[in-house]
Amino acid sequence: MSRGQAALLLGGLVAMLGAIVDALFIRGLWANVVFAVVLAVMVIGAPLFVLRGASAWRQRSRELLYAEVQGRHHAFNGVSLRIEQGATHCWIDGNGLQRVLGTRDSDDVLAARMPGHSRRDDRGRLMLRVDAVVRHLAERPSRMDPVTIRFRTYLEREVLFPAAQRRARR
C-alpha cells in the first residue's frame, strides 16, 4: 500500500471514529452512525473505484490501439519497419527498406532489382520478400558498408530465422 493510500485510509478511519463518537455520545442517534459509516465507506471507496476503472480503461484502450503491431514490431536504427509474416514468406515494406538504406529509388526500380519477389499489399504499398532483400544486400555494391552488414544480419536473425522456426513447428 502506498503512502497516499495509507493516508486516505487513515483519514477515513478517523472520520468514521469521529462520526461514531459524535453520534453515540453527543447526539445519541443511531441513524447518524449508519450514515457516518456509509459516508466514510463512500469517501474511501469512490476514489479507489474511479482510479481502478480509469486504469482498466487506459489499459484496454492501449490494447485496442496497438493490437495490430503487438508482438510484431520491428525497427532498425530508429526506423520502424513494416514486416508481414506470410504462410511461406516474410515481406518487408519497400518504403521502410529505403529509409534504412538511405536510398530514394522509386517502387518500380526497387521491384525490378528483385524480380518475382515483390507484391503490392491491400493499400498499394510495395512489399518485398525478406530473403530476396537479404540476397540483394549481399550482392549490392555497398555490401561492405557497416549499416548494410548490420541490417542484413538483423533481417537474418530477427526475421528470417524465427519465421523459419515457426514454420518448422507447424
Protein backbone atom coordinates (compact mmCIF):
# COMPACT_ATOMS: atom_id res chain seq x y z
CA MET A 1 0.00 0.00 0.00
CA SER A 2 1.43 3.39 -0.96
CA ARG A 3 1.69 6.34 1.41
CA GLY A 4 -1.17 8.12 -0.31
CA GLN A 5 -3.48 5.15 0.05
CA ALA A 6 -2.47 4.70 3.70
CA ALA A 7 -3.15 8.39 4.43
CA LEU A 8 -6.52 8.14 2.70
CA LEU A 9 -7.43 5.04 4.71
CA LEU A 10 -6.29 6.62 7.98
CA GLY A 11 -8.25 9.80 7.26
CA GLY A 12 -11.36 7.76 6.53
CA LEU A 13 -11.00 5.77 9.73
CA VAL A 14 -10.54 8.95 11.78
CA ALA A 15 -13.63 10.47 10.15
CA MET A 16 -15.63 7.32 10.88
CA LEU A 17 -14.47 7.26 14.51
CA GLY A 18 -15.30 10.95 14.92
CA ALA A 19 -18.75 10.44 13.44
CA ILE A 20 -19.41 7.44 15.70
CA VAL A 21 -18.32 9.31 18.83
CA ASP A 22 -20.42 12.31 17.81
CA ALA A 23 -23.50 10.22 17.09
CA LEU A 24 -23.31 7.98 20.16
CA PHE A 25 -22.11 10.28 22.90
CA ILE A 26 -23.12 13.76 21.81
CA ARG A 27 -26.35 13.31 19.89
CA GLY A 28 -27.21 9.70 20.60
CA LEU A 29 -28.72 8.98 17.17
CA TRP A 30 -28.05 5.54 15.66
CA ALA A 31 -29.11 6.76 12.23
CA ASN A 32 -26.17 9.15 12.30
CA VAL A 33 -23.81 6.23 12.99
CA VAL A 34 -25.09 4.34 9.97
CA PHE A 35 -24.91 7.48 7.86
CA ALA A 36 -21.35 8.20 9.02
CA VAL A 37 -20.20 4.65 8.22
CA VAL A 38 -21.80 4.73 4.77
CA LEU A 39 -20.34 8.16 4.08
CA ALA A 40 -16.86 7.08 5.19
CA VAL A 41 -17.02 3.95 3.01
CA MET A 42 -18.05 6.08 0.06
CA VAL A 43 -15.29 8.63 0.69
CA ILE A 44 -12.66 5.89 0.86
CA GLY A 45 -14.09 3.56 -1.79
CA ALA A 46 -15.10 6.02 -4.51
CA PRO A 47 -11.61 7.28 -5.39
CA LEU A 48 -10.21 3.75 -5.43
CA PHE A 49 -13.07 2.60 -7.64
CA VAL A 50 -12.59 5.54 -10.02
CA LEU A 51 -8.81 5.03 -10.19
CA ARG A 52 -9.15 1.30 -10.88
CA GLY A 53 -11.77 1.97 -13.56
CA ALA A 54 -9.62 4.62 -15.23
CA SER A 55 -6.60 2.34 -15.14
CA ALA A 56 -8.56 -0.54 -16.67
CA TRP A 57 -9.97 1.78 -19.37
CA ARG A 58 -6.45 3.06 -20.19
CA GLN A 59 -5.06 -0.48 -20.42
CA ARG A 60 -7.91 -1.65 -22.67
CA SER A 61 -7.59 1.35 -24.97
CA ARG A 62 -3.84 0.73 -25.35
CA GLU A 63 -4.54 -2.93 -26.16
CA LEU A 64 -7.02 -1.92 -28.86
CA LEU A 65 -4.76 0.82 -30.24
CA TYR A 66 -1.66 -1.38 -30.52
CA ALA A 67 -3.37 -4.71 -31.31
CA GLU A 68 -2.19 -4.62 -34.93
CA VAL A 69 1.50 -4.39 -34.08
CA GLN A 70 1.55 -6.23 -30.75
CA GLY A 71 4.50 -8.61 -30.69
CA ARG A 72 5.39 -7.89 -34.32
CA HIS A 73 7.20 -4.56 -34.15
CA HIS A 74 10.47 -4.30 -35.99
CA ALA A 75 12.80 -1.31 -36.00
CA PHE A 76 16.34 -0.76 -37.18
CA ASN A 77 18.42 2.38 -36.43
CA GLY A 78 15.29 4.16 -35.23
CA VAL A 79 13.35 3.37 -38.41
CA SER A 80 10.13 1.45 -37.85
CA LEU A 81 9.77 -1.39 -40.33
CA ARG A 82 6.53 -2.93 -41.52
CA ILE A 83 7.14 -6.68 -41.83
CA GLU A 84 4.35 -9.12 -42.61
CA GLN A 85 4.62 -12.80 -41.85
CA GLY A 86 3.02 -14.87 -44.62
CA ALA A 87 2.38 -18.60 -44.71
CA THR A 88 5.57 -19.26 -46.66
CA HIS A 89 7.47 -15.94 -46.83
CA CYS A 90 8.13 -12.77 -44.87
CA TRP A 91 7.56 -9.43 -46.58
CA ILE A 92 9.10 -6.02 -45.82
CA ASP A 93 7.73 -2.64 -46.82
CA GLY A 94 9.80 -1.05 -49.58
CA ASN A 95 9.49 2.42 -48.06
CA GLY A 96 11.00 1.28 -44.74
CA LEU A 97 13.79 -0.50 -46.59
CA GLN A 98 14.68 2.67 -48.46
CA ARG A 99 14.65 4.75 -45.26
CA VAL A 100 17.08 2.31 -43.62
CA LEU A 101 19.39 2.25 -46.63
CA GLY A 102 19.09 5.97 -47.34
CA THR A 103 18.05 5.50 -50.98
CA ARG A 104 15.37 7.34 -52.94
CA ASP A 105 14.58 4.84 -55.69
CA SER A 106 11.04 4.57 -56.97
CA ASP A 107 9.00 1.48 -56.15
CA ASP A 108 9.33 0.22 -59.73
CA VAL A 109 13.14 0.40 -59.62
CA LEU A 110 13.21 -1.37 -56.27
CA ALA A 111 10.86 -4.09 -57.52
CA ALA A 112 12.94 -4.51 -60.71
CA ARG A 113 16.05 -5.20 -58.61
CA MET A 114 14.26 -8.21 -57.13
CA PRO A 115 12.15 -9.59 -59.99
CA GLY A 116 9.44 -12.02 -58.94
CA HIS A 117 9.94 -11.24 -55.25
CA SER A 118 7.66 -8.24 -54.85
CA ARG A 119 3.95 -7.60 -54.49
CA ARG A 120 1.54 -4.82 -53.53
CA ASP A 121 -0.44 -5.04 -50.29
CA ASP A 122 -4.09 -4.05 -49.91
CA ARG A 123 -3.13 -0.36 -49.56
CA GLY A 124 -0.93 -0.39 -52.66
CA ARG A 125 2.41 -0.34 -50.80
CA LEU A 126 5.33 -2.22 -52.28
CA MET A 127 6.21 -5.33 -50.25
CA LEU A 128 9.45 -7.24 -50.90
CA ARG A 129 10.36 -10.75 -49.81
CA VAL A 130 12.86 -10.54 -46.95
CA ASP A 131 15.01 -13.40 -48.28
CA ALA A 132 15.34 -11.57 -51.61
CA VAL A 133 16.24 -8.36 -49.77
CA VAL A 134 18.96 -10.19 -47.82
CA ARG A 135 20.33 -11.63 -51.08
CA HIS A 136 20.21 -8.16 -52.68
CA LEU A 137 22.04 -6.62 -49.72
CA ALA A 138 24.77 -9.26 -50.01
CA GLU A 139 25.25 -8.50 -53.72
CA ARG A 140 24.87 -4.73 -53.93
CA PRO A 141 27.94 -2.52 -54.46
CA SER A 142 27.81 -1.12 -50.91
CA ARG A 143 27.56 -4.59 -49.35
CA MET A 144 30.55 -3.91 -47.06
CA ASP A 145 29.01 -0.74 -45.63
CA PRO A 146 28.61 -1.28 -41.84
CA VAL A 147 24.94 -0.27 -41.89
CA THR A 148 24.22 -2.72 -44.71
CA ILE A 149 26.01 -5.54 -42.89
CA ARG A 150 24.18 -4.83 -39.62
CA PHE A 151 20.83 -4.56 -41.41
CA ARG A 152 21.37 -7.81 -43.30
CA THR A 153 22.32 -9.55 -40.04
CA TYR A 154 19.25 -8.05 -38.33
CA LEU A 155 16.94 -9.37 -41.04
CA GLU A 156 18.50 -12.82 -40.87
CA ARG A 157 18.47 -13.11 -37.07
CA GLU A 158 15.28 -11.27 -36.17
CA VAL A 159 13.01 -12.02 -39.13
CA LEU A 160 14.10 -14.96 -41.30
CA PHE A 161 15.40 -17.36 -38.66
CA PRO A 162 12.42 -17.01 -36.24
CA ALA A 163 9.99 -17.31 -39.17
CA ALA A 164 11.67 -20.50 -40.35
CA GLN A 165 11.44 -21.93 -36.84
CA ARG A 166 7.75 -21.05 -36.62
CA ARG A 167 7.08 -22.74 -39.98
CA ALA A 168 9.01 -25.85 -38.88
CA ARG A 169 6.89 -26.14 -35.73
CA ARG A 170 3.67 -26.21 -37.75
